[in-house]
Amino acid sequence: MEPVILTTERLILRPPAPGDARAVLAACQDPDIRRWTAVPSPYLPEHARTFVGVYVPEAWAADTEYVFGAYLAEEAAAGGPERREGPFVAMLGLKVRGQDTVEIGFWSVKEHRGRGHVTEAARALCRWAFTDLGAARVEWRAGVGNTASRAVAERCGFVQEGVLRQALVSGGTRHDAWIASLLPQDAPH
C-alpha cells in the first residue's frame, strides 16, 4: 500500500522518514519505552536509521504493518489555510494479524505524555483500519502492568478480553500480556 497521511484536530499522522531518525533515537532512550516495547536496548543510532529508512517503507510496501509518527499540527503563519508539522509526539502502528485483523501498538515521547495525543492518534488509526483497511477487529496487547497503555486502549473503547500467558518478549524475557479488542460498533466516532 502507498503510505497515507491522516490528520486529527491536533495531530498530523504520517509514516516516519529518514529525517525523523534523530527524534526516534532520542525518544527511545526513555527506559519506559524500552521496558514496555520490543525496541532494542541499548537503542543506537543505527536502530533508528534502519527503522525509519528500511523497516517502515518495507512494511508499508508489503502490507504487513502501517507505521505512523504523530506530530503536533501547528497553524501556518499569516493566516494560511494549511497546518504545518510540529514536534514528534508518538509512534503508532497497525500490524496485520490476519485477513481482517490488525493489532495496534503505540508509545509516546516522554515530554508529551498525559496530553491525550496517543488516544487521539489511536482513535484515528482505528477508524482508518475499519474504513480503509476493511478490518473487522483491532487488537491491543500490552505487558501486564502497563497501565498507561491500558488507559489509552480503554479510552478508545477497547474491550478487555483477558491475559495471554508469556505472550510478549521484552529484554529477552517472556511476559504475560493483556489483550483487548475493538470492533467497528465499539469504536467512538
Protein backbone atom coordinates (compact mmCIF):
# COMPACT_ATOMS: atom_id res chain seq x y z
CA MET A 1 0.00 0.00 0.00
CA GLU A 2 1.12 3.52 -0.65
CA PRO A 3 1.71 5.43 2.60
CA VAL A 4 -1.01 7.81 3.70
CA ILE A 5 -1.21 10.89 5.89
CA LEU A 6 -4.02 11.21 8.43
CA THR A 7 -4.95 14.30 10.38
CA THR A 8 -6.85 14.88 13.60
CA GLU A 9 -7.80 18.02 15.45
CA ARG A 10 -4.29 18.42 16.88
CA LEU A 11 -2.08 15.95 15.01
CA ILE A 12 -0.58 15.01 11.69
CA LEU A 13 -0.01 11.25 11.35
CA ARG A 14 2.42 10.07 8.69
CA PRO A 15 4.97 7.33 8.20
CA PRO A 16 8.27 8.31 9.81
CA ALA A 17 11.02 9.05 7.29
CA PRO A 18 14.83 9.13 7.42
CA GLY A 19 14.73 12.73 8.66
CA ASP A 20 12.93 11.50 11.79
CA ALA A 21 15.71 9.15 12.90
CA ARG A 22 17.18 11.62 15.39
CA ALA A 23 13.80 12.19 17.11
CA VAL A 24 13.09 8.44 17.23
CA LEU A 25 16.56 7.80 18.68
CA ALA A 26 16.05 10.44 21.38
CA ALA A 27 12.61 9.11 22.32
CA CYS A 28 13.81 5.51 22.55
CA GLN A 29 16.35 6.41 25.22
CA ASP A 30 13.40 6.50 27.63
CA PRO A 31 13.56 3.46 29.95
CA ASP A 32 9.75 3.16 29.90
CA ILE A 33 9.70 2.71 26.11
CA ARG A 34 12.42 0.07 26.35
CA ARG A 35 10.61 -1.61 29.27
CA TRP A 36 7.23 -1.96 27.60
CA THR A 37 8.14 -2.41 23.92
CA ALA A 38 10.39 -4.63 21.85
CA VAL A 39 12.83 -1.85 20.85
CA PRO A 40 16.49 -2.85 21.24
CA SER A 41 18.29 -1.86 24.40
CA PRO A 42 20.53 -0.01 24.22
CA TYR A 43 18.81 1.81 21.36
CA LEU A 44 21.54 3.02 19.00
CA PRO A 45 21.57 5.45 16.04
CA GLU A 46 21.69 2.56 13.56
CA HIS A 47 18.49 1.13 15.08
CA ALA A 48 16.64 4.39 14.43
CA ARG A 49 18.07 4.77 10.91
CA THR A 50 17.13 1.19 9.98
CA PHE A 51 13.66 1.54 11.47
CA VAL A 52 12.71 4.71 9.58
CA GLY A 53 14.77 4.08 6.44
CA VAL A 54 14.23 0.37 5.86
CA TYR A 55 11.64 -1.27 8.14
CA VAL A 56 8.85 1.31 7.81
CA PRO A 57 8.88 1.60 3.99
CA GLU A 58 9.26 -2.16 3.52
CA ALA A 59 6.38 -2.90 5.93
CA TRP A 60 4.09 -0.44 4.12
CA ALA A 61 5.06 -1.89 0.72
CA ALA A 62 4.46 -5.46 1.90
CA ASP A 63 1.18 -4.57 3.68
CA THR A 64 2.45 -6.17 6.89
CA GLU A 65 2.43 -3.11 9.15
CA TYR A 66 1.36 0.51 8.80
CA VAL A 67 3.60 2.68 10.99
CA PHE A 68 2.77 6.31 11.75
CA GLY A 69 4.64 9.02 13.58
CA ALA A 70 2.35 11.51 15.31
CA TYR A 71 3.35 15.18 15.08
CA LEU A 72 1.68 18.22 16.57
CA ALA A 73 -0.15 20.23 13.94
CA GLU A 74 0.68 23.91 14.03
CA GLU A 75 -1.17 26.63 12.20
CA ALA A 76 0.61 28.07 9.19
CA ALA A 77 1.91 31.60 9.51
CA ALA A 78 -0.05 34.66 8.39
CA GLY A 79 -3.47 33.06 8.14
CA GLY A 80 -2.53 30.37 5.62
CA PRO A 81 -5.07 27.56 5.36
CA GLU A 82 -2.56 24.75 5.75
CA ARG A 83 -1.24 23.36 9.01
CA ARG A 84 2.41 22.53 9.30
CA GLU A 85 4.08 19.76 11.20
CA GLY A 86 5.36 20.48 14.68
CA PRO A 87 7.19 18.30 17.22
CA PHE A 88 7.18 14.49 17.14
CA VAL A 89 4.96 13.20 19.97
CA ALA A 90 4.31 9.47 19.44
CA MET A 91 4.77 6.37 17.32
CA LEU A 92 1.88 4.10 16.39
CA GLY A 93 1.44 1.10 14.17
CA LEU A 94 -1.14 -1.33 12.87
CA LYS A 95 0.35 -4.79 12.35
CA VAL A 96 -1.60 -7.17 10.12
CA ARG A 97 -2.51 -10.27 12.17
CA GLY A 98 -4.94 -11.97 9.80
CA GLN A 99 -7.18 -11.42 6.83
CA ASP A 100 -9.29 -8.81 8.62
CA THR A 101 -7.49 -8.32 11.95
CA VAL A 102 -4.81 -5.78 12.85
CA GLU A 103 -3.01 -5.16 16.13
CA ILE A 104 -2.40 -1.61 17.29
CA GLY A 105 0.72 -0.64 19.15
CA PHE A 106 1.93 2.76 20.35
CA TRP A 107 4.32 4.68 22.53
CA SER A 108 4.60 8.31 23.46
CA VAL A 109 7.56 10.67 23.69
CA LYS A 110 8.10 11.24 27.40
CA GLU A 111 7.81 15.04 27.22
CA HIS A 112 4.39 14.80 25.54
CA ARG A 113 2.69 12.24 27.79
CA GLY A 114 -0.53 12.96 29.60
CA ARG A 115 -2.00 15.27 26.95
CA GLY A 116 -4.23 12.79 25.11
CA HIS A 117 -2.16 12.72 21.92
CA VAL A 118 -1.83 8.92 21.78
CA THR A 119 -5.55 8.42 22.41
CA GLU A 120 -6.41 10.91 19.66
CA ALA A 121 -3.99 9.26 17.24
CA ALA A 122 -5.06 5.71 18.14
CA ARG A 123 -8.72 6.57 17.54
CA ALA A 124 -7.82 7.93 14.11
CA LEU A 125 -5.84 4.79 13.26
CA CYS A 126 -8.67 2.52 14.38
CA ARG A 127 -11.18 4.45 12.23
CA TRP A 128 -8.76 4.17 9.29
CA ALA A 129 -8.35 0.42 9.93
CA PHE A 130 -12.11 -0.12 9.80
CA THR A 131 -12.87 2.16 6.86
CA ASP A 132 -9.81 1.90 4.61
CA LEU A 133 -8.21 -1.42 5.53
CA GLY A 134 -11.50 -3.27 5.93
CA ALA A 135 -10.55 -4.57 9.36
CA ALA A 136 -13.26 -6.37 11.31
CA ARG A 137 -11.20 -6.39 14.52
CA VAL A 138 -8.40 -4.30 16.01
CA GLU A 139 -6.48 -5.98 18.80
CA TRP A 140 -4.39 -4.32 21.50
CA ARG A 141 -1.82 -6.11 23.64
CA ALA A 142 0.43 -4.78 26.37
CA GLY A 143 2.51 -6.23 29.15
CA VAL A 144 0.55 -6.81 32.33
CA GLY A 145 1.24 -3.74 34.46
CA ASN A 146 1.47 -1.25 31.59
CA THR A 147 -1.40 0.80 32.97
CA ALA A 148 -0.70 3.83 30.74
CA SER A 149 -1.17 1.75 27.59
CA ARG A 150 -4.27 0.11 29.04
CA ALA A 151 -5.76 3.52 29.82
CA VAL A 152 -5.33 4.59 26.18
CA ALA A 153 -6.98 1.37 24.98
CA GLU A 154 -9.90 1.87 27.37
CA ARG A 155 -10.39 5.50 26.27
CA CYS A 156 -10.51 4.25 22.67
CA GLY A 157 -13.29 1.80 23.55
CA PHE A 158 -11.32 -1.46 23.55
CA VAL A 159 -12.99 -4.32 25.45
CA GLN A 160 -10.67 -6.30 27.73
CA GLU A 161 -10.61 -9.99 26.88
CA GLY A 162 -8.06 -11.45 29.25
CA VAL A 163 -4.42 -12.30 29.83
CA LEU A 164 -2.19 -14.13 27.38
CA ARG A 165 0.40 -16.07 29.34
CA GLN A 166 4.03 -15.40 28.39
CA ALA A 167 2.89 -13.79 25.11
CA LEU A 168 5.33 -10.85 24.91
CA VAL A 169 9.10 -10.74 24.83
CA SER A 170 10.87 -7.67 26.19
CA GLY A 171 14.51 -7.51 27.17
CA GLY A 172 14.90 -11.19 26.29
CA THR A 173 12.29 -12.22 28.85
CA ARG A 174 8.77 -13.51 28.25
CA HIS A 175 5.92 -11.63 29.97
CA ASP A 176 2.18 -12.03 30.35
CA ALA A 177 0.10 -9.70 28.21
CA TRP A 178 -3.28 -8.08 28.50
CA ILE A 179 -5.37 -8.40 25.35
CA ALA A 180 -8.37 -6.35 24.28
CA SER A 181 -10.24 -5.82 21.06
CA LEU A 182 -12.16 -3.11 19.28
CA LEU A 183 -14.90 -3.91 16.78
CA PRO A 184 -16.41 -1.36 14.42
CA GLN A 185 -19.51 -1.00 16.61
CA ASP A 186 -17.31 -0.33 19.70
CA ALA A 187 -15.25 2.50 18.24
CA PRO A 188 -16.01 6.03 19.42
CA HIS A 189 -16.81 8.30 16.48
